[in-house]
Amino acid sequence: MNEDEFAELALGVDSDFTRLFTGMPGESETEREARTDAAADVLVDLHREDPALAAFAERLLSAAPVPLRRPAVIRRTASVERVAA
């Protein structure tokens, strides 16, 4: 059982909920800012309504890899040097 399956069974949350707090690889800076703003709003409600779920969401938020961007691909072209024999 992975963490998403555990959260769904134990806390009643789905993968969309966890992605709100962890993000998605390749998201842009604008997408990340919008997502974290929404996550902060959700956390305010969770602290009031479900402290255990709020604690889980905060752990997800703090464990999210930063930055959540795909690494740049560096392409190199092969060069051929001719050496006098």
C-alpha atoms as a PDB file:
ATOM      1  CA  MET A   1       0.000   0.000   0.000  1.00  0.00           C
ATOM      2  CA  ASN A   2       1.461   3.355  -1.001  1.00  0.00           C
ATOM      3  CA  GLU A   3       0.914   6.710   0.704  1.00  0.00           C
ATOM      4  CA  ASP A   4      -1.890   7.734  -1.662  1.00  0.00           C
ATOM      5  CA  GLU A   5      -3.790   4.500  -0.986  1.00  0.00           C
ATOM      6  CA  PHE A   6      -3.280   4.913   2.759  1.00  0.00           C
ATOM      7  CA  ALA A   7      -4.522   8.504   2.672  1.00  0.00           C
ATOM      8  CA  GLU A   8      -7.565   7.515   0.665  1.00  0.00           C
ATOM      9  CA  LEU A   9      -8.497   4.712   3.033  1.00  0.00           C
ATOM     10  CA  ALA A  10      -7.566   6.306   6.343  1.00  0.00           C
ATOM     11  CA  LEU A  11      -8.386   9.943   5.695  1.00  0.00           C
ATOM     12  CA  GLY A  12     -10.882   9.788   2.856  1.00  0.00           C
ATOM     13  CA  VAL A  13      -8.807  11.878   0.451  1.00  0.00           C
ATOM     14  CA  ASP A  14      -7.926  11.140  -3.147  1.00  0.00           C
ATOM     15  CA  SER A  15      -4.886  11.767  -5.305  1.00  0.00           C
ATOM     16  CA  ASP A  16      -6.236  15.173  -6.381  1.00  0.00           C
ATOM     17  CA  PHE A  17      -6.085  16.249  -2.757  1.00  0.00           C
ATOM     18  CA  THR A  18      -2.487  15.097  -2.371  1.00  0.00           C
ATOM     19  CA  ARG A  19      -1.449  16.742  -5.653  1.00  0.00           C
ATOM     20  CA  LEU A  20      -2.840  20.042  -4.347  1.00  0.00           C
ATOM     21  CA  PHE A  21      -0.186  19.947  -1.627  1.00  0.00           C
ATOM     22  CA  THR A  22       2.645  18.152  -3.428  1.00  0.00           C
ATOM     23  CA  GLY A  23       2.372  19.605  -6.922  1.00  0.00           C
ATOM     24  CA  MET A  24       3.187  18.055 -10.248  1.00  0.00           C
ATOM     25  CA  PRO A  25       6.572  17.691 -11.903  1.00  0.00           C
ATOM     26  CA  GLY A  26       6.881  20.224 -14.687  1.00  0.00           C
ATOM     27  CA  GLU A  27       4.431  22.764 -13.296  1.00  0.00           C
ATOM     28  CA  SER A  28       5.279  26.342 -14.129  1.00  0.00           C
ATOM     29  CA  GLU A  29       6.059  28.987 -11.536  1.00  0.00           C
ATOM     30  CA  THR A  30       2.614  30.523 -12.123  1.00  0.00           C
ATOM     31  CA  GLU A  31       0.913  27.146 -11.692  1.00  0.00           C
ATOM     32  CA  ARG A  32       2.891  26.487  -8.507  1.00  0.00           C
ATOM     33  CA  GLU A  33       1.933  29.864  -7.057  1.00  0.00           C
ATOM     34  CA  ALA A  34      -1.754  29.316  -7.841  1.00  0.00           C
ATOM     35  CA  ARG A  35      -1.654  25.801  -6.390  1.00  0.00           C
ATOM     36  CA  THR A  36       0.083  26.859  -3.170  1.00  0.00           C
ATOM     37  CA  ASP A  37      -2.363  29.771  -2.745  1.00  0.00           C
ATOM     38  CA  ALA A  38      -5.270  27.348  -3.067  1.00  0.00           C
ATOM     39  CA  ALA A  39      -3.566  24.895  -0.694  1.00  0.00           C
ATOM     40  CA  ALA A  40      -3.137  27.653   1.908  1.00  0.00           C
ATOM     41  CA  ASP A  41      -6.866  28.465   1.694  1.00  0.00           C
ATOM     42  CA  VAL A  42      -7.761  24.785   2.078  1.00  0.00           C
ATOM     43  CA  LEU A  43      -5.420  24.471   5.076  1.00  0.00           C
ATOM     44  CA  VAL A  44      -7.228  27.287   6.883  1.00  0.00           C
ATOM     45  CA  ASP A  45     -10.500  25.371   6.567  1.00  0.00           C
ATOM     46  CA  LEU A  46      -8.880  22.043   7.470  1.00  0.00           C
ATOM     47  CA  HIS A  47      -7.374  23.400  10.678  1.00  0.00           C
ATOM     48  CA  ARG A  48     -10.872  24.386  11.759  1.00  0.00           C
ATOM     49  CA  GLU A  49     -12.709  21.279  10.527  1.00  0.00           C
ATOM     50  CA  ASP A  50     -10.227  18.381  10.618  1.00  0.00           C
ATOM     51  CA  PRO A  51      -6.922  18.976  12.440  1.00  0.00           C
ATOM     52  CA  ALA A  52      -5.603  15.480  11.643  1.00  0.00           C
ATOM     53  CA  LEU A  53      -6.164  15.989   7.933  1.00  0.00           C
ATOM     54  CA  ALA A  54      -4.619  19.463   8.187  1.00  0.00           C
ATOM     55  CA  ALA A  55      -1.504  17.943   9.752  1.00  0.00           C
ATOM     56  CA  PHE A  56      -1.301  15.388   6.933  1.00  0.00           C
ATOM     57  CA  ALA A  57      -1.698  18.142   4.319  1.00  0.00           C
ATOM     58  CA  GLU A  58       1.071  20.199   5.950  1.00  0.00           C
ATOM     59  CA  ARG A  59       3.398  17.186   5.855  1.00  0.00           C
ATOM     60  CA  LEU A  60       2.651  16.774   2.166  1.00  0.00           C
ATOM     61  CA  LEU A  61       3.324  20.455   1.554  1.00  0.00           C
ATOM     62  CA  SER A  62       6.631  20.382   3.399  1.00  0.00           C
ATOM     63  CA  ALA A  63       7.739  17.157   1.701  1.00  0.00           C
ATOM     64  CA  ALA A  64       7.027  18.358  -1.839  1.00  0.00           C
ATOM     65  CA  PRO A  65      10.137  18.435  -3.992  1.00  0.00           C
ATOM     66  CA  VAL A  66      11.285  21.939  -4.775  1.00  0.00           C
ATOM     67  CA  PRO A  67      11.375  23.013  -7.489  1.00  0.00           C
ATOM     68  CA  LEU A  68       8.766  20.896  -9.174  1.00  0.00           C
ATOM     69  CA  ARG A  69      10.155  21.343 -12.653  1.00  0.00           C
ATOM     70  CA  ARG A  70      11.448  18.825 -15.101  1.00  0.00           C
ATOM     71  CA  PRO A  71      15.184  19.077 -15.454  1.00  0.00           C
ATOM     72  CA  ALA A  72      16.362  20.822 -18.578  1.00  0.00           C
ATOM     73  CA  VAL A  73      17.655  18.583 -21.304  1.00  0.00           C
ATOM     74  CA  ILE A  74      21.085  19.603 -22.473  1.00  0.00           C
ATOM     75  CA  ARG A  75      21.755  18.576 -26.015  1.00  0.00           C
ATOM     76  CA  ARG A  76      25.279  18.439 -27.214  1.00  0.00           C
ATOM     77  CA  THR A  77      26.370  18.112 -30.747  1.00  0.00           C
ATOM     78  CA  ALA A  78      29.282  15.925 -31.535  1.00  0.00           C
ATOM     79  CA  SER A  79      32.219  17.659 -33.060  1.00  0.00           C
ATOM     80  CA  VAL A  80      34.896  15.937 -35.004  1.00  0.00           C
ATOM     81  CA  GLU A  81      38.434  17.179 -34.756  1.00  0.00           C
ATOM     82  CA  ARG A  82      40.825  16.208 -37.461  1.00  0.00           C
ATOM     83  CA  VAL A  83      44.282  15.386 -36.282  1.00  0.00           C
ATOM     84  CA  ALA A  84      47.180  15.394 -38.702  1.00  0.00           C
ATOM     85  CA  ALA A  85      48.684  11.947 -39.019  1.00  0.00           C
END
